[in-house]
Amino acid sequence: PTTYTAAKLEVDSKLLDQLQQIGIISGVADLSRACGKNATYFACMRKRGYSLHIGSLAFLMARLSRDMDETVDARKRAKLRIALSAINEAVQEKCKLRELELLS
């Protein structure tokens, strides 16, 4: 993979770790389902050398935002807020990488 692709895959790995540590997802299959895809989506994308699409992450953000709006549990809301921040950071990083890739 190109250095940009490798960097995007690293962003995905970091995000996966963060979401697992927070307790939002339990693993790769869970992340795939949370992004609105089938359970093998993330693993297949990674195996082929592709990173998660921004659209999939946007779907995940929308889903978690809805969950946050619907819950009154303060701890769950805090976890969701941290997760949304991590996803937003990943999206921004991927956009920067894509811009650098287009300019090179």
Protein backbone atom coordinates (compact mmCIF):
# COMPACT_ATOMS: atom_id res chain seq x y z
CA PRO A 1 0.00 0.00 0.00
CA THR A 2 1.02 3.61 -0.54
CA THR A 3 2.17 5.64 2.43
CA TYR A 4 -1.18 7.46 2.38
CA THR A 5 -3.11 4.20 2.40
CA ALA A 6 -0.93 2.86 5.20
CA ALA A 7 -1.56 6.05 7.17
CA LYS A 8 -5.33 5.75 6.63
CA LEU A 9 -5.22 2.13 7.79
CA GLU A 10 -3.34 3.28 10.89
CA VAL A 11 -6.10 5.84 11.56
CA ASP A 12 -8.64 3.00 11.34
CA SER A 13 -6.64 0.84 13.76
CA LYS A 14 -6.31 3.67 16.25
CA LEU A 15 -10.05 4.39 16.03
CA LEU A 16 -10.90 0.70 16.47
CA ASP A 17 -8.72 0.56 19.59
CA GLN A 18 -10.27 3.74 21.01
CA LEU A 19 -13.85 2.56 20.44
CA GLN A 20 -13.05 -0.81 22.00
CA GLN A 21 -11.43 0.80 25.05
CA ILE A 22 -14.44 3.06 25.54
CA GLY A 23 -16.75 0.05 25.27
CA ILE A 24 -18.70 1.31 22.25
CA ILE A 25 -17.80 -1.72 20.11
CA SER A 26 -16.46 -5.17 20.91
CA GLY A 27 -14.42 -5.83 17.78
CA VAL A 28 -14.04 -5.62 14.02
CA ALA A 29 -17.38 -7.26 13.18
CA ASP A 30 -19.17 -5.00 15.65
CA LEU A 31 -17.56 -1.92 14.08
CA SER A 32 -18.69 -3.08 10.63
CA ARG A 33 -22.28 -3.51 11.80
CA ALA A 34 -22.22 -0.16 13.62
CA CYS A 35 -21.16 1.47 10.33
CA GLY A 36 -24.25 0.00 8.67
CA LYS A 37 -22.34 -2.74 6.84
CA ASN A 38 -22.21 -6.52 7.06
CA ALA A 39 -20.03 -8.06 9.76
CA THR A 40 -17.10 -8.77 7.40
CA TYR A 41 -16.90 -5.27 5.86
CA PHE A 42 -14.01 -3.86 7.91
CA ALA A 43 -11.94 -7.06 7.80
CA CYS A 44 -12.41 -7.39 4.02
CA MET A 45 -11.56 -3.73 3.40
CA ARG A 46 -8.40 -4.05 5.49
CA LYS A 47 -7.35 -7.29 3.79
CA ARG A 48 -7.68 -5.60 0.39
CA GLY A 49 -5.64 -2.62 1.60
CA TYR A 50 -8.55 -0.17 1.82
CA SER A 51 -9.46 1.96 4.78
CA LEU A 52 -12.95 2.64 6.08
CA HIS A 53 -14.85 5.07 3.88
CA ILE A 54 -15.70 8.49 5.27
CA GLY A 55 -19.36 7.76 4.50
CA SER A 56 -19.28 4.71 6.76
CA LEU A 57 -17.80 6.80 9.56
CA ALA A 58 -20.44 9.51 8.97
CA PHE A 59 -23.13 6.83 9.30
CA LEU A 60 -21.53 5.67 12.56
CA MET A 61 -21.42 9.24 13.88
CA ALA A 62 -25.09 9.75 13.03
CA ARG A 63 -26.03 6.49 14.74
CA LEU A 64 -24.06 7.33 17.90
CA SER A 65 -25.43 10.90 17.95
CA ARG A 66 -28.95 9.49 17.84
CA ASP A 67 -28.09 7.09 20.66
CA MET A 68 -26.73 9.99 22.70
CA ASP A 69 -29.92 12.00 22.14
CA GLU A 70 -32.05 9.05 23.23
CA THR A 71 -30.21 8.11 26.43
CA VAL A 72 -30.47 9.74 29.85
CA ASP A 73 -27.64 7.67 31.35
CA ALA A 74 -24.86 10.19 32.06
CA ARG A 75 -22.07 7.59 31.81
CA LYS A 76 -23.31 6.28 28.48
CA ARG A 77 -23.65 9.86 27.17
CA ALA A 78 -20.05 10.57 28.24
CA LYS A 79 -18.80 7.45 26.44
CA LEU A 80 -20.72 8.39 23.32
CA ARG A 81 -19.34 11.94 23.43
CA ILE A 82 -15.77 10.58 23.63
CA ALA A 83 -16.50 8.15 20.77
CA LEU A 84 -17.94 10.91 18.58
CA SER A 85 -14.87 13.02 19.21
CA ALA A 86 -12.57 10.12 18.27
CA ILE A 87 -14.54 9.43 15.07
CA ASN A 88 -14.51 13.12 14.14
CA GLU A 89 -10.75 13.20 14.66
CA ALA A 90 -10.34 10.13 12.43
CA VAL A 91 -12.46 11.71 9.70
CA GLN A 92 -10.44 14.92 9.82
CA GLU A 93 -7.18 12.98 9.68
CA LYS A 94 -8.38 10.95 6.69
CA CYS A 95 -9.45 14.14 4.90
CA LYS A 96 -6.00 15.68 5.48
CA LEU A 97 -4.34 12.54 4.16
CA ARG A 98 -6.57 12.51 1.08
CA GLU A 99 -5.79 16.16 0.39
CA LEU A 100 -2.05 15.48 0.65
CA GLU A 101 -2.49 12.48 -1.63
CA LEU A 102 -4.26 14.57 -4.27
CA LEU A 103 -1.61 17.30 -4.11
CA SER A 104 1.32 14.89 -4.51
